[in-house]
Amino acid sequence: NPNLGEIEETSETFIVQIIITLFVCLFIYMLYINGFLLFNMKIADFFIGYIKRDGSVSLNFEGCKGKVSRIIRFKVSREYVFTYQSEVTEGVVTVKFLDKQKREILSCSTPDSQIKIKIDKKKAYRLIFIFSNATGKCNVIWK
């Protein structure tokens, strides 16, 4: 039978572990919100590429289902031209651009799109790629 001292020591260790776990989760969340981490929730036979903090994107994928998102920020407030180019041979890729309140600013799945968007450098935006059994490649350029 454990004595009272062992029980208190075990419960203190458990509480410390919970606090450390919460701080690690908060730290990871802060990295994501500030654009340092991607959020991946996908399954793919092959997936390689990048989504940079400035919103430029280059992705190659095969048999991909799910989504990838990243918080992006712009250094200058002005009107940007969002250029989406894709060569998807199977399935569908949808790109969504949301503001901080998760309101949709744009959504497109057509192979070659150019859309003008007014950007405020003080705000954070979310760029999301949604894959539906997709194979191919895509790029995003901001000019």
N, C-alpha and C. Protein backbone atom coordinates (compact mmCIF):
# COMPACT_ATOMS: atom_id res chain seq x y z
N ASN A 1 0.83 -1.19 0.00
CA ASN A 1 0.00 0.00 0.00
C ASN A 1 0.88 1.25 0.00
N PRO A 2 0.61 2.19 -0.93
CA PRO A 2 1.39 3.43 -0.92
C PRO A 2 0.99 4.29 0.27
N ASN A 3 1.97 4.99 0.81
CA ASN A 3 1.65 5.87 1.93
C ASN A 3 1.25 7.25 1.40
N LEU A 4 0.83 8.11 2.28
CA LEU A 4 0.32 9.43 1.91
C LEU A 4 1.39 10.28 1.21
N GLY A 5 2.64 10.16 1.61
CA GLY A 5 3.73 10.92 0.99
C GLY A 5 3.93 10.55 -0.46
N GLU A 6 3.85 9.26 -0.76
CA GLU A 6 4.01 8.80 -2.14
C GLU A 6 2.85 9.28 -3.02
N ILE A 7 1.65 9.30 -2.50
CA ILE A 7 0.48 9.76 -3.25
C ILE A 7 0.61 11.25 -3.55
N GLU A 8 1.03 12.06 -2.57
CA GLU A 8 1.20 13.50 -2.79
C GLU A 8 2.29 13.76 -3.82
N GLU A 9 3.38 13.01 -3.76
CA GLU A 9 4.48 13.19 -4.71
C GLU A 9 4.03 12.82 -6.11
N THR A 10 3.27 11.76 -6.25
CA THR A 10 2.76 11.35 -7.56
C THR A 10 1.80 12.39 -8.12
N SER A 11 0.92 12.93 -7.30
CA SER A 11 -0.04 13.93 -7.78
C SER A 11 0.67 15.24 -8.15
N GLU A 12 1.71 15.61 -7.40
CA GLU A 12 2.48 16.81 -7.74
C GLU A 12 3.20 16.63 -9.08
N THR A 13 3.76 15.46 -9.30
CA THR A 13 4.44 15.17 -10.57
C THR A 13 3.44 15.22 -11.72
N PHE A 14 2.25 14.69 -11.52
CA PHE A 14 1.21 14.70 -12.54
C PHE A 14 0.79 16.13 -12.87
N ILE A 15 0.63 16.97 -11.88
CA ILE A 15 0.24 18.37 -12.09
C ILE A 15 1.33 19.11 -12.86
N VAL A 16 2.59 18.87 -12.50
CA VAL A 16 3.70 19.50 -13.22
C VAL A 16 3.71 19.05 -14.69
N GLN A 17 3.45 17.77 -14.94
CA GLN A 17 3.40 17.27 -16.31
C GLN A 17 2.27 17.94 -17.11
N ILE A 18 1.13 18.13 -16.48
CA ILE A 18 0.01 18.80 -17.15
C ILE A 18 0.38 20.24 -17.48
N ILE A 19 0.99 20.95 -16.54
CA ILE A 19 1.37 22.35 -16.77
C ILE A 19 2.40 22.45 -17.90
N ILE A 20 3.37 21.58 -17.91
CA ILE A 20 4.38 21.59 -18.97
C ILE A 20 3.73 21.31 -20.32
N THR A 21 2.82 20.35 -20.36
CA THR A 21 2.10 20.02 -21.60
C THR A 21 1.30 21.22 -22.10
N LEU A 22 0.62 21.92 -21.20
CA LEU A 22 -0.15 23.11 -21.58
C LEU A 22 0.76 24.20 -22.14
N PHE A 23 1.91 24.42 -21.52
CA PHE A 23 2.85 25.43 -22.02
C PHE A 23 3.40 25.05 -23.40
N VAL A 24 3.70 23.78 -23.61
CA VAL A 24 4.19 23.33 -24.92
C VAL A 24 3.10 23.54 -25.98
N CYS A 25 1.86 23.18 -25.66
CA CYS A 25 0.75 23.38 -26.61
C CYS A 25 0.55 24.87 -26.91
N LEU A 26 0.62 25.70 -25.89
CA LEU A 26 0.48 27.15 -26.08
C LEU A 26 1.61 27.69 -26.96
N PHE A 27 2.82 27.22 -26.72
CA PHE A 27 3.97 27.64 -27.51
C PHE A 27 3.80 27.26 -28.98
N ILE A 28 3.37 26.04 -29.25
CA ILE A 28 3.14 25.58 -30.62
C ILE A 28 2.03 26.40 -31.28
N TYR A 29 0.96 26.68 -30.55
CA TYR A 29 -0.13 27.50 -31.07
C TYR A 29 0.35 28.91 -31.42
N MET A 30 1.17 29.48 -30.56
CA MET A 30 1.71 30.83 -30.82
C MET A 30 2.60 30.82 -32.07
N LEU A 31 3.38 29.78 -32.26
CA LEU A 31 4.20 29.67 -33.48
C LEU A 31 3.31 29.61 -34.72
N TYR A 32 2.20 28.85 -34.64
CA TYR A 32 1.28 28.74 -35.78
C TYR A 32 0.61 30.08 -36.07
N ILE A 33 0.08 30.72 -35.04
CA ILE A 33 -0.63 32.00 -35.21
C ILE A 33 0.28 33.07 -35.80
N ASN A 34 1.55 33.02 -35.48
CA ASN A 34 2.49 34.01 -35.99
C ASN A 34 3.13 33.60 -37.31
N GLY A 35 2.68 32.49 -37.90
CA GLY A 35 3.09 32.11 -39.23
C GLY A 35 4.37 31.30 -39.32
N PHE A 36 4.85 30.78 -38.20
CA PHE A 36 6.09 30.00 -38.22
C PHE A 36 5.86 28.51 -38.49
N LEU A 37 4.63 28.04 -38.32
CA LEU A 37 4.33 26.61 -38.52
C LEU A 37 3.15 26.43 -39.47
N LEU A 38 3.15 25.31 -40.15
CA LEU A 38 2.03 24.90 -40.98
C LEU A 38 1.09 24.01 -40.17
N PHE A 39 -0.15 23.95 -40.60
CA PHE A 39 -1.08 22.97 -40.04
C PHE A 39 -1.37 21.98 -41.16
N ASN A 40 -1.00 20.73 -40.95
CA ASN A 40 -1.23 19.67 -41.94
C ASN A 40 -2.23 18.67 -41.41
N MET A 41 -3.22 18.39 -42.21
CA MET A 41 -4.16 17.33 -41.89
C MET A 41 -4.49 16.64 -43.21
N LYS A 42 -3.53 15.82 -43.68
CA LYS A 42 -3.67 15.24 -45.00
C LYS A 42 -3.09 13.83 -45.03
N ILE A 43 -3.50 13.11 -46.05
CA ILE A 43 -2.93 11.81 -46.38
C ILE A 43 -2.53 11.89 -47.84
N ALA A 44 -1.30 11.50 -48.15
CA ALA A 44 -0.84 11.58 -49.54
C ALA A 44 0.14 10.46 -49.84
N ASP A 45 0.12 9.99 -51.08
CA ASP A 45 1.12 9.04 -51.53
C ASP A 45 2.47 9.75 -51.65
N PHE A 46 2.42 11.02 -52.09
CA PHE A 46 3.61 11.83 -52.26
C PHE A 46 3.22 13.29 -52.07
N PHE A 47 4.00 14.02 -51.30
CA PHE A 47 3.73 15.44 -51.08
C PHE A 47 5.04 16.14 -50.77
N ILE A 48 5.38 17.15 -51.57
CA ILE A 48 6.59 17.93 -51.33
C ILE A 48 6.31 19.37 -51.75
N GLY A 49 6.91 20.31 -51.06
CA GLY A 49 6.73 21.70 -51.43
C GLY A 49 6.82 22.60 -50.22
N TYR A 50 6.40 23.84 -50.41
CA TYR A 50 6.45 24.81 -49.33
C TYR A 50 5.31 25.81 -49.43
N ILE A 51 4.95 26.34 -48.29
CA ILE A 51 4.08 27.52 -48.19
C ILE A 51 4.86 28.47 -47.29
N LYS A 52 5.41 29.51 -47.89
CA LYS A 52 6.24 30.44 -47.13
C LYS A 52 5.38 31.40 -46.32
N ARG A 53 6.03 32.06 -45.37
CA ARG A 53 5.32 33.01 -44.50
C ARG A 53 4.77 34.19 -45.28
N ASP A 54 5.34 34.49 -46.46
CA ASP A 54 4.84 35.61 -47.26
C ASP A 54 3.73 35.19 -48.22
N GLY A 55 3.35 33.91 -48.19
CA GLY A 55 2.24 33.43 -49.00
C GLY A 55 2.63 32.79 -50.31
N SER A 56 3.92 32.80 -50.67
CA SER A 56 4.30 32.13 -51.92
C SER A 56 4.27 30.62 -51.69
N VAL A 57 3.81 29.90 -52.71
CA VAL A 57 3.54 28.47 -52.57
C VAL A 57 4.05 27.71 -53.79
N SER A 58 4.61 26.55 -53.54
CA SER A 58 4.94 25.60 -54.60
C SER A 58 4.72 24.20 -54.01
N LEU A 59 3.77 23.47 -54.57
CA LEU A 59 3.43 22.14 -54.05
C LEU A 59 3.38 21.12 -55.19
N ASN A 60 3.91 19.94 -54.93
CA ASN A 60 3.78 18.77 -55.81
C ASN A 60 3.19 17.65 -54.97
N PHE A 61 2.19 16.96 -55.50
CA PHE A 61 1.47 15.98 -54.69
C PHE A 61 0.90 14.87 -55.56
N GLU A 62 0.65 13.75 -54.91
CA GLU A 62 0.06 12.60 -55.59
C GLU A 62 -0.88 11.90 -54.62
N GLY A 63 -2.10 11.65 -55.05
CA GLY A 63 -3.07 10.95 -54.21
C GLY A 63 -3.32 11.64 -52.90
N CYS A 64 -3.48 12.94 -52.93
CA CYS A 64 -3.56 13.73 -51.70
C CYS A 64 -5.01 14.03 -51.33
N LYS A 65 -5.34 13.78 -50.04
CA LYS A 65 -6.65 14.10 -49.46
C LYS A 65 -6.39 14.88 -48.18
N GLY A 66 -7.19 15.90 -47.92
CA GLY A 66 -7.06 16.65 -46.67
C GLY A 66 -6.78 18.12 -46.92
N LYS A 67 -6.13 18.76 -45.93
CA LYS A 67 -5.86 20.18 -46.08
C LYS A 67 -4.56 20.58 -45.42
N VAL A 68 -4.03 21.69 -45.92
CA VAL A 68 -2.81 22.30 -45.39
C VAL A 68 -3.11 23.79 -45.24
N SER A 69 -2.77 24.37 -44.09
CA SER A 69 -3.01 25.80 -43.93
C SER A 69 -1.83 26.47 -43.24
N ARG A 70 -1.73 27.77 -43.48
CA ARG A 70 -0.66 28.56 -42.87
C ARG A 70 -1.15 29.99 -42.70
N ILE A 71 -0.76 30.58 -41.59
CA ILE A 71 -1.02 32.00 -41.36
C ILE A 71 0.06 32.77 -42.11
N ILE A 72 -0.36 33.76 -42.89
CA ILE A 72 0.61 34.58 -43.61
C ILE A 72 0.39 36.06 -43.28
N ARG A 73 1.46 36.81 -43.39
CA ARG A 73 1.43 38.26 -43.15
C ARG A 73 2.16 38.95 -44.29
N PHE A 74 1.72 40.14 -44.58
CA PHE A 74 2.35 40.93 -45.63
C PHE A 74 3.09 42.11 -45.01
N LYS A 75 4.19 42.51 -45.64
CA LYS A 75 5.02 43.59 -45.10
C LYS A 75 4.52 44.96 -45.50
N VAL A 76 3.72 45.04 -46.58
CA VAL A 76 3.25 46.32 -47.10
C VAL A 76 1.74 46.25 -47.32
N SER A 77 1.03 47.29 -46.89
CA SER A 77 -0.40 47.40 -47.17
C SER A 77 -0.57 47.96 -48.58
N ARG A 78 -1.22 47.19 -49.44
CA ARG A 78 -1.49 47.64 -50.81
C ARG A 78 -2.38 46.61 -51.49
N GLU A 79 -2.66 46.84 -52.76
CA GLU A 79 -3.42 45.87 -53.54
C GLU A 79 -2.45 44.88 -54.17
N TYR A 80 -2.68 43.60 -53.92
CA TYR A 80 -1.83 42.53 -54.46
C TYR A 80 -2.62 41.76 -55.52
N VAL A 81 -1.89 41.17 -56.45
CA VAL A 81 -2.51 40.27 -57.41
C VAL A 81 -2.16 38.85 -56.98
N PHE A 82 -3.19 38.10 -56.60
CA PHE A 82 -3.06 36.70 -56.21
C PHE A 82 -3.10 35.89 -57.49
N THR A 83 -2.02 35.18 -57.79
CA THR A 83 -1.95 34.35 -58.99
C THR A 83 -1.84 32.89 -58.58
N TYR A 84 -2.83 32.11 -58.97
CA TYR A 84 -2.86 30.67 -58.68
C TYR A 84 -2.72 29.91 -59.98
N GLN A 85 -1.69 29.06 -60.07
CA GLN A 85 -1.46 28.24 -61.25
C GLN A 85 -1.44 26.78 -60.80
N SER A 86 -2.14 25.93 -61.53
CA SER A 86 -2.14 24.52 -61.15
C SER A 86 -2.19 23.63 -62.38
N GLU A 87 -1.61 22.46 -62.21
CA GLU A 87 -1.68 21.39 -63.20
C GLU A 87 -2.12 20.15 -62.44
N VAL A 88 -3.42 20.04 -62.21
CA VAL A 88 -3.98 18.93 -61.47
C VAL A 88 -4.51 17.92 -62.47
N THR A 89 -3.93 16.70 -62.45
CA THR A 89 -4.33 15.67 -63.41
C THR A 89 -5.46 14.80 -62.88
N GLU A 90 -5.60 14.72 -61.56
CA GLU A 90 -6.69 13.96 -60.94
C GLU A 90 -7.21 14.74 -59.76
N GLY A 91 -8.50 14.59 -59.46
CA GLY A 91 -9.08 15.21 -58.29
C GLY A 91 -9.19 16.72 -58.41
N VAL A 92 -9.34 17.36 -57.24
CA VAL A 92 -9.56 18.81 -57.18
C VAL A 92 -8.73 19.40 -56.06
N VAL A 93 -8.17 20.58 -56.32
CA VAL A 93 -7.50 21.37 -55.29
C VAL A 93 -8.23 22.70 -55.20
N THR A 94 -8.66 23.06 -54.00
CA THR A 94 -9.31 24.33 -53.76
C THR A 94 -8.42 25.17 -52.85
N VAL A 95 -8.22 26.41 -53.23
CA VAL A 95 -7.43 27.35 -52.43
C VAL A 95 -8.39 28.35 -51.81
N LYS A 96 -8.24 28.55 -50.50
CA LYS A 96 -9.06 29.55 -49.80
C LYS A 96 -8.14 30.53 -49.11
N PHE A 97 -8.55 31.78 -49.12
CA PHE A 97 -7.81 32.85 -48.45
C PHE A 97 -8.79 33.51 -47.48
N LEU A 98 -8.48 33.43 -46.19
CA LEU A 98 -9.39 33.91 -45.14
C LEU A 98 -8.74 35.03 -44.33
N ASP A 99 -9.59 35.89 -43.75
CA ASP A 99 -9.06 36.88 -42.83
C ASP A 99 -8.95 36.28 -41.43
N LYS A 100 -8.54 37.08 -40.47
CA LYS A 100 -8.30 36.57 -39.12
C LYS A 100 -9.58 36.02 -38.47
N GLN A 101 -10.73 36.58 -38.83
CA GLN A 101 -12.01 36.11 -38.29
C GLN A 101 -12.56 34.92 -39.07
N LYS A 102 -11.73 34.34 -39.94
CA LYS A 102 -12.06 33.17 -40.76
C LYS A 102 -13.16 33.46 -41.78
N ARG A 103 -13.27 34.74 -42.18
CA ARG A 103 -14.20 35.10 -43.25
C ARG A 103 -13.47 34.89 -44.57
N GLU A 104 -14.15 34.28 -45.52
CA GLU A 104 -13.54 33.94 -46.80
C GLU A 104 -13.38 35.19 -47.66
N ILE A 105 -12.16 35.46 -48.08
CA ILE A 105 -11.87 36.56 -48.98
C ILE A 105 -11.90 36.06 -50.42
N LEU A 106 -11.33 34.86 -50.64
CA LEU A 106 -11.41 34.25 -51.96
C LEU A 106 -11.37 32.75 -51.85
N SER A 107 -11.89 32.11 -52.87
CA SER A 107 -11.86 30.66 -53.00
C SER A 107 -11.79 30.35 -54.48
N CYS A 108 -10.83 29.52 -54.87
CA CYS A 108 -10.77 29.16 -56.28
C CYS A 108 -10.24 27.74 -56.44
N SER A 109 -10.69 27.13 -57.52
CA SER A 109 -10.21 25.79 -57.87
C SER A 109 -9.95 25.69 -59.37
N THR A 110 -10.03 26.83 -60.06
CA THR A 110 -9.74 26.84 -61.49
C THR A 110 -8.22 26.85 -61.70
N PRO A 111 -7.74 26.23 -62.77
CA PRO A 111 -6.29 26.04 -62.96
C PRO A 111 -5.45 27.32 -62.96
N ASP A 112 -5.89 28.36 -63.64
CA ASP A 112 -5.12 29.60 -63.70
C ASP A 112 -6.04 30.76 -63.33
N SER A 113 -5.78 31.35 -62.16
CA SER A 113 -6.61 32.45 -61.67
C SER A 113 -5.75 33.61 -61.24
N GLN A 114 -6.23 34.80 -61.49
CA GLN A 114 -5.60 36.01 -60.99
C GLN A 114 -6.70 36.87 -60.38
N ILE A 115 -6.49 37.25 -59.12
CA ILE A 115 -7.49 38.04 -58.41
C ILE A 115 -6.79 39.15 -57.66
N LYS A 116 -7.32 40.37 -57.75
CA LYS A 116 -6.76 41.50 -57.01
C LYS A 116 -7.38 41.53 -55.61
N ILE A 117 -6.50 41.70 -54.62
CA ILE A 117 -6.95 41.71 -53.22
C ILE A 117 -6.26 42.85 -52.50
N LYS A 118 -7.05 43.64 -51.77
CA LYS A 118 -6.48 44.71 -50.95
C LYS A 118 -6.05 44.11 -49.61
N ILE A 119 -4.77 44.29 -49.26
CA ILE A 119 -4.18 43.69 -48.07
C ILE A 119 -3.78 44.77 -47.07
N ASP A 120 -4.06 44.50 -45.80
CA ASP A 120 -3.63 45.37 -44.70
C ASP A 120 -2.48 44.68 -43.98
N LYS A 121 -1.32 45.33 -43.93
CA LYS A 121 -0.14 44.70 -43.32
C LYS A 121 -0.31 44.44 -41.82
N LYS A 122 -1.25 45.11 -41.19
CA LYS A 122 -1.47 44.94 -39.75
C LYS A 122 -2.26 43.66 -39.43
N LYS A 123 -2.83 43.05 -40.46
CA LYS A 123 -3.68 41.88 -40.25
C LYS A 123 -2.98 40.59 -40.65
N ALA A 124 -3.40 39.51 -40.03
CA ALA A 124 -2.93 38.17 -40.39
C ALA A 124 -4.00 37.51 -41.25
N TYR A 125 -3.56 36.71 -42.20
CA TYR A 125 -4.46 36.01 -43.10
C TYR A 125 -4.14 34.52 -43.08
N ARG A 126 -5.09 33.72 -43.49
CA ARG A 126 -4.91 32.27 -43.50
C ARG A 126 -5.06 31.78 -44.94
N LEU A 127 -4.06 31.05 -45.42
CA LEU A 127 -4.08 30.45 -46.74
C LEU A 127 -4.27 28.95 -46.57
N ILE A 128 -5.33 28.41 -47.18
CA ILE A 128 -5.69 27.00 -47.00
C ILE A 128 -5.78 26.31 -48.36
N PHE A 129 -5.17 25.12 -48.44
CA PHE A 129 -5.29 24.26 -49.61
C PHE A 129 -6.08 23.03 -49.20
N ILE A 130 -7.16 22.75 -49.94
CA ILE A 130 -7.99 21.58 -49.66
C ILE A 130 -7.85 20.63 -50.85
N PHE A 131 -7.41 19.41 -50.55
CA PHE A 131 -7.15 18.41 -51.57
C PHE A 131 -8.22 17.32 -51.54
N SER A 132 -8.77 17.00 -52.71
CA SER A 132 -9.75 15.91 -52.84
C SER A 132 -9.21 14.91 -53.85
N ASN A 133 -8.52 13.87 -53.35
CA ASN A 133 -7.92 12.85 -54.21
C ASN A 133 -7.12 13.47 -55.36
N ALA A 134 -6.30 14.46 -55.03
CA ALA A 134 -5.62 15.26 -56.04
C ALA A 134 -4.21 14.75 -56.35
N THR A 135 -3.87 14.85 -57.63
CA THR A 135 -2.52 14.57 -58.11
C THR A 135 -2.14 15.70 -59.06
N GLY A 136 -0.93 16.24 -58.86
CA GLY A 136 -0.47 17.31 -59.73
C GLY A 136 0.46 18.26 -59.00
N LYS A 137 0.41 19.53 -59.42
CA LYS A 137 1.22 20.55 -58.77
C LYS A 137 0.51 21.88 -58.85
N CYS A 138 0.88 22.79 -57.94
CA CYS A 138 0.28 24.11 -57.95
C CYS A 138 1.24 25.13 -57.36
N ASN A 139 1.02 26.39 -57.74
CA ASN A 139 1.84 27.50 -57.27
C ASN A 139 0.96 28.69 -56.95
N VAL A 140 1.39 29.49 -55.99
CA VAL A 140 0.75 30.77 -55.70
C VAL A 140 1.84 31.83 -55.69
N ILE A 141 1.57 32.93 -56.37
CA ILE A 141 2.50 34.05 -56.40
C ILE A 141 1.71 35.31 -56.06
N TRP A 142 2.30 36.17 -55.25
CA TRP A 142 1.71 37.46 -54.90
C TRP A 142 2.55 38.55 -55.55
N LYS A 143 1.91 39.42 -56.35
CA LYS A 143 2.64 40.52 -57.00
C LYS A 143 2.03 41.83 -56.59
